[in-house]
Amino acid sequence: MARFYNRKVIVRQFKEIDPVLRLFKARKPKKQDKLNPKWEGPYKIRRVIGPGTYELEELSGKSIKHIWHGIYLKRYYT
């Protein structure tokens, strides 16, 4: 089971100051939710906490409270 998961998982690694989008955390799926955005941002990686965990900040420099795992982030291309 773990071998199958490890083959399919997409490892996302970011460096400090990389621009990223973050997944809306608390979402209740609704029928009309199909066309609503699922990602918000862009944000910058403020600090790499550990393998796969990141602290974010807004582009203006304001820090975001929570620590985010890499599965909830995706690279933002400008």
N, C-alpha and C. Protein backbone atom coordinates (compact mmCIF):
# COMPACT_ATOMS: atom_id res chain seq x y z
N MET A 1 0.83 -1.18 0.00
CA MET A 1 0.00 0.00 0.00
C MET A 1 0.88 1.25 0.00
N ALA A 2 1.86 1.31 0.86
CA ALA A 2 2.73 2.48 0.92
C ALA A 2 3.52 2.63 -0.39
N ARG A 3 3.89 1.54 -0.99
CA ARG A 3 4.65 1.59 -2.23
C ARG A 3 3.82 2.23 -3.34
N PHE A 4 2.54 1.90 -3.41
CA PHE A 4 1.64 2.49 -4.40
C PHE A 4 1.48 3.99 -4.15
N TYR A 5 1.29 4.38 -2.90
CA TYR A 5 1.16 5.79 -2.55
C TYR A 5 2.42 6.56 -2.92
N ASN A 6 3.56 6.02 -2.59
CA ASN A 6 4.83 6.70 -2.85
C ASN A 6 5.09 6.87 -4.34
N ARG A 7 4.56 5.99 -5.16
CA ARG A 7 4.71 6.13 -6.61
C ARG A 7 3.86 7.27 -7.14
N LYS A 8 2.69 7.50 -6.56
CA LYS A 8 1.72 8.47 -7.08
C LYS A 8 1.85 9.87 -6.47
N VAL A 9 2.47 9.99 -5.31
CA VAL A 9 2.52 11.28 -4.62
C VAL A 9 3.43 12.25 -5.37
N ILE A 10 3.00 13.52 -5.42
CA ILE A 10 3.79 14.57 -6.05
C ILE A 10 4.50 15.34 -4.93
N VAL A 11 5.79 15.22 -4.88
CA VAL A 11 6.57 15.91 -3.85
C VAL A 11 6.80 17.34 -4.31
N ARG A 12 6.38 18.29 -3.50
CA ARG A 12 6.54 19.70 -3.81
C ARG A 12 7.52 20.29 -2.81
N GLN A 13 8.62 20.77 -3.32
CA GLN A 13 9.60 21.41 -2.45
C GLN A 13 9.76 22.85 -2.90
N PHE A 14 9.77 23.76 -1.94
CA PHE A 14 9.89 25.17 -2.22
C PHE A 14 11.07 25.74 -1.46
N LYS A 15 11.59 26.85 -1.97
CA LYS A 15 12.65 27.58 -1.29
C LYS A 15 12.06 28.88 -0.74
N GLU A 16 12.80 29.53 0.14
CA GLU A 16 12.35 30.81 0.67
C GLU A 16 12.19 31.80 -0.48
N ILE A 17 11.20 32.65 -0.35
CA ILE A 17 10.77 33.70 -1.30
C ILE A 17 10.14 33.15 -2.58
N ASP A 18 9.91 31.84 -2.68
CA ASP A 18 9.17 31.31 -3.83
C ASP A 18 7.72 31.77 -3.74
N PRO A 19 7.13 32.23 -4.86
CA PRO A 19 5.71 32.58 -4.84
C PRO A 19 4.86 31.31 -4.93
N VAL A 20 3.84 31.21 -4.09
CA VAL A 20 2.98 30.03 -4.06
C VAL A 20 1.51 30.44 -3.94
N LEU A 21 0.63 29.53 -4.31
CA LEU A 21 -0.80 29.64 -4.04
C LEU A 21 -1.12 28.64 -2.96
N ARG A 22 -2.13 28.94 -2.15
CA ARG A 22 -2.50 27.98 -1.11
C ARG A 22 -3.95 27.55 -1.32
N LEU A 23 -4.21 26.31 -1.00
CA LEU A 23 -5.53 25.73 -1.14
C LEU A 23 -6.45 26.30 -0.07
N PHE A 24 -7.70 26.65 -0.47
CA PHE A 24 -8.67 27.08 0.53
C PHE A 24 -8.83 25.96 1.54
N LYS A 25 -8.56 26.24 2.80
CA LYS A 25 -8.52 25.19 3.82
C LYS A 25 -9.90 24.64 4.17
N ALA A 26 -10.80 25.50 4.59
CA ALA A 26 -12.12 25.04 5.03
C ALA A 26 -13.11 25.22 3.89
N ARG A 27 -13.38 24.15 3.20
CA ARG A 27 -14.32 24.21 2.08
C ARG A 27 -15.35 23.11 2.25
N LYS A 28 -16.59 23.50 2.11
CA LYS A 28 -17.66 22.51 2.10
C LYS A 28 -18.12 22.39 0.65
N PRO A 29 -18.01 21.22 0.08
CA PRO A 29 -18.39 21.08 -1.32
C PRO A 29 -19.89 21.33 -1.51
N LYS A 30 -20.20 22.21 -2.43
CA LYS A 30 -21.57 22.52 -2.76
C LYS A 30 -21.74 22.34 -4.26
N LYS A 31 -22.97 22.21 -4.69
CA LYS A 31 -23.20 22.01 -6.10
C LYS A 31 -22.73 23.21 -6.92
N GLN A 32 -22.97 24.43 -6.43
CA GLN A 32 -22.57 25.63 -7.16
C GLN A 32 -21.09 25.98 -6.96
N ASP A 33 -20.37 25.17 -6.20
CA ASP A 33 -18.97 25.42 -5.90
C ASP A 33 -18.04 25.00 -7.03
N LYS A 34 -18.58 24.43 -8.07
CA LYS A 34 -17.77 23.85 -9.13
C LYS A 34 -16.86 24.88 -9.81
N LEU A 35 -17.35 26.09 -10.01
CA LEU A 35 -16.59 27.10 -10.74
C LEU A 35 -15.88 28.11 -9.84
N ASN A 36 -16.05 27.99 -8.55
CA ASN A 36 -15.37 28.90 -7.63
C ASN A 36 -13.89 28.57 -7.55
N PRO A 37 -13.04 29.55 -7.26
CA PRO A 37 -11.60 29.27 -7.17
C PRO A 37 -11.28 28.35 -5.99
N LYS A 38 -10.33 27.47 -6.18
CA LYS A 38 -9.91 26.53 -5.14
C LYS A 38 -8.60 26.96 -4.49
N TRP A 39 -7.91 27.90 -5.12
CA TRP A 39 -6.62 28.36 -4.64
C TRP A 39 -6.68 29.85 -4.36
N GLU A 40 -5.95 30.30 -3.35
CA GLU A 40 -5.89 31.72 -3.05
C GLU A 40 -4.44 32.16 -2.95
N GLY A 41 -4.22 33.43 -3.16
CA GLY A 41 -2.86 33.94 -3.08
C GLY A 41 -2.61 34.95 -4.16
N PRO A 42 -1.43 35.24 -4.48
CA PRO A 42 -0.17 34.56 -4.17
C PRO A 42 0.41 34.97 -2.81
N TYR A 43 1.22 34.09 -2.29
CA TYR A 43 1.97 34.30 -1.05
C TYR A 43 3.43 34.00 -1.34
N LYS A 44 4.29 34.37 -0.38
CA LYS A 44 5.71 34.02 -0.47
C LYS A 44 6.04 33.07 0.66
N ILE A 45 6.99 32.17 0.40
CA ILE A 45 7.50 31.30 1.46
C ILE A 45 8.40 32.17 2.34
N ARG A 46 8.01 32.32 3.58
CA ARG A 46 8.80 33.13 4.51
C ARG A 46 9.95 32.33 5.10
N ARG A 47 9.63 31.07 5.46
CA ARG A 47 10.63 30.25 6.13
C ARG A 47 10.30 28.78 5.89
N VAL A 48 11.32 27.97 5.69
CA VAL A 48 11.15 26.53 5.60
C VAL A 48 11.32 25.98 7.00
N ILE A 49 10.23 25.39 7.54
CA ILE A 49 10.25 24.89 8.92
C ILE A 49 10.92 23.52 8.99
N GLY A 50 10.51 22.64 8.12
CA GLY A 50 11.06 21.29 8.08
C GLY A 50 10.79 20.70 6.72
N PRO A 51 11.00 19.42 6.56
CA PRO A 51 10.73 18.82 5.25
C PRO A 51 9.24 18.86 4.92
N GLY A 52 8.88 19.71 3.98
CA GLY A 52 7.49 19.79 3.54
C GLY A 52 6.61 20.75 4.31
N THR A 53 7.14 21.48 5.29
CA THR A 53 6.33 22.44 6.05
C THR A 53 6.91 23.84 5.89
N TYR A 54 5.99 24.81 5.72
CA TYR A 54 6.40 26.16 5.36
C TYR A 54 5.61 27.20 6.12
N GLU A 55 6.26 28.32 6.37
CA GLU A 55 5.60 29.49 6.93
C GLU A 55 5.44 30.49 5.78
N LEU A 56 4.24 31.06 5.64
CA LEU A 56 3.94 31.94 4.52
C LEU A 56 3.84 33.39 4.96
N GLU A 57 3.97 34.28 4.00
CA GLU A 57 3.70 35.69 4.22
C GLU A 57 3.05 36.26 2.96
N GLU A 58 2.26 37.30 3.15
CA GLU A 58 1.64 37.96 2.01
C GLU A 58 2.71 38.72 1.24
N LEU A 59 2.41 39.12 0.03
CA LEU A 59 3.38 39.86 -0.77
C LEU A 59 3.74 41.20 -0.14
N SER A 60 2.83 41.74 0.67
CA SER A 60 3.09 43.00 1.36
C SER A 60 4.05 42.83 2.53
N GLY A 61 4.33 41.59 2.94
CA GLY A 61 5.25 41.32 4.04
C GLY A 61 4.57 40.89 5.32
N LYS A 62 3.22 40.91 5.36
CA LYS A 62 2.48 40.51 6.56
C LYS A 62 2.53 38.98 6.70
N SER A 63 2.90 38.54 7.90
CA SER A 63 3.05 37.10 8.16
C SER A 63 1.70 36.43 8.32
N ILE A 64 1.61 35.17 7.89
CA ILE A 64 0.42 34.33 8.07
C ILE A 64 0.68 33.45 9.29
N LYS A 65 -0.31 33.34 10.18
CA LYS A 65 -0.13 32.63 11.45
C LYS A 65 0.26 31.16 11.30
N HIS A 66 -0.46 30.43 10.50
CA HIS A 66 -0.35 28.97 10.49
C HIS A 66 0.85 28.48 9.68
N ILE A 67 1.24 27.27 9.98
CA ILE A 67 2.26 26.57 9.23
C ILE A 67 1.53 25.72 8.19
N TRP A 68 2.03 25.69 6.97
CA TRP A 68 1.35 24.98 5.88
C TRP A 68 2.21 23.84 5.37
N HIS A 69 1.58 22.72 5.10
CA HIS A 69 2.26 21.58 4.50
C HIS A 69 2.29 21.77 2.99
N GLY A 70 3.28 21.20 2.35
CA GLY A 70 3.47 21.36 0.92
C GLY A 70 2.34 20.83 0.06
N ILE A 71 1.52 19.90 0.60
CA ILE A 71 0.41 19.38 -0.21
C ILE A 71 -0.69 20.41 -0.39
N TYR A 72 -0.71 21.45 0.45
CA TYR A 72 -1.71 22.50 0.34
C TYR A 72 -1.20 23.72 -0.44
N LEU A 73 0.01 23.61 -1.01
CA LEU A 73 0.61 24.71 -1.73
C LEU A 73 0.93 24.27 -3.16
N LYS A 74 0.91 25.24 -4.07
CA LYS A 74 1.43 24.98 -5.41
C LYS A 74 2.12 26.23 -5.91
N ARG A 75 3.10 26.02 -6.76
CA ARG A 75 3.93 27.11 -7.26
C ARG A 75 3.09 28.08 -8.07
N TYR A 76 3.36 29.36 -7.89
CA TYR A 76 2.69 30.42 -8.62
C TYR A 76 3.66 30.98 -9.65
N TYR A 77 3.28 30.91 -10.91
CA TYR A 77 4.14 31.39 -11.98
C TYR A 77 3.67 32.78 -12.41
N THR A 78 4.59 33.73 -12.41
CA THR A 78 4.23 35.10 -12.79
C THR A 78 4.63 35.38 -14.22
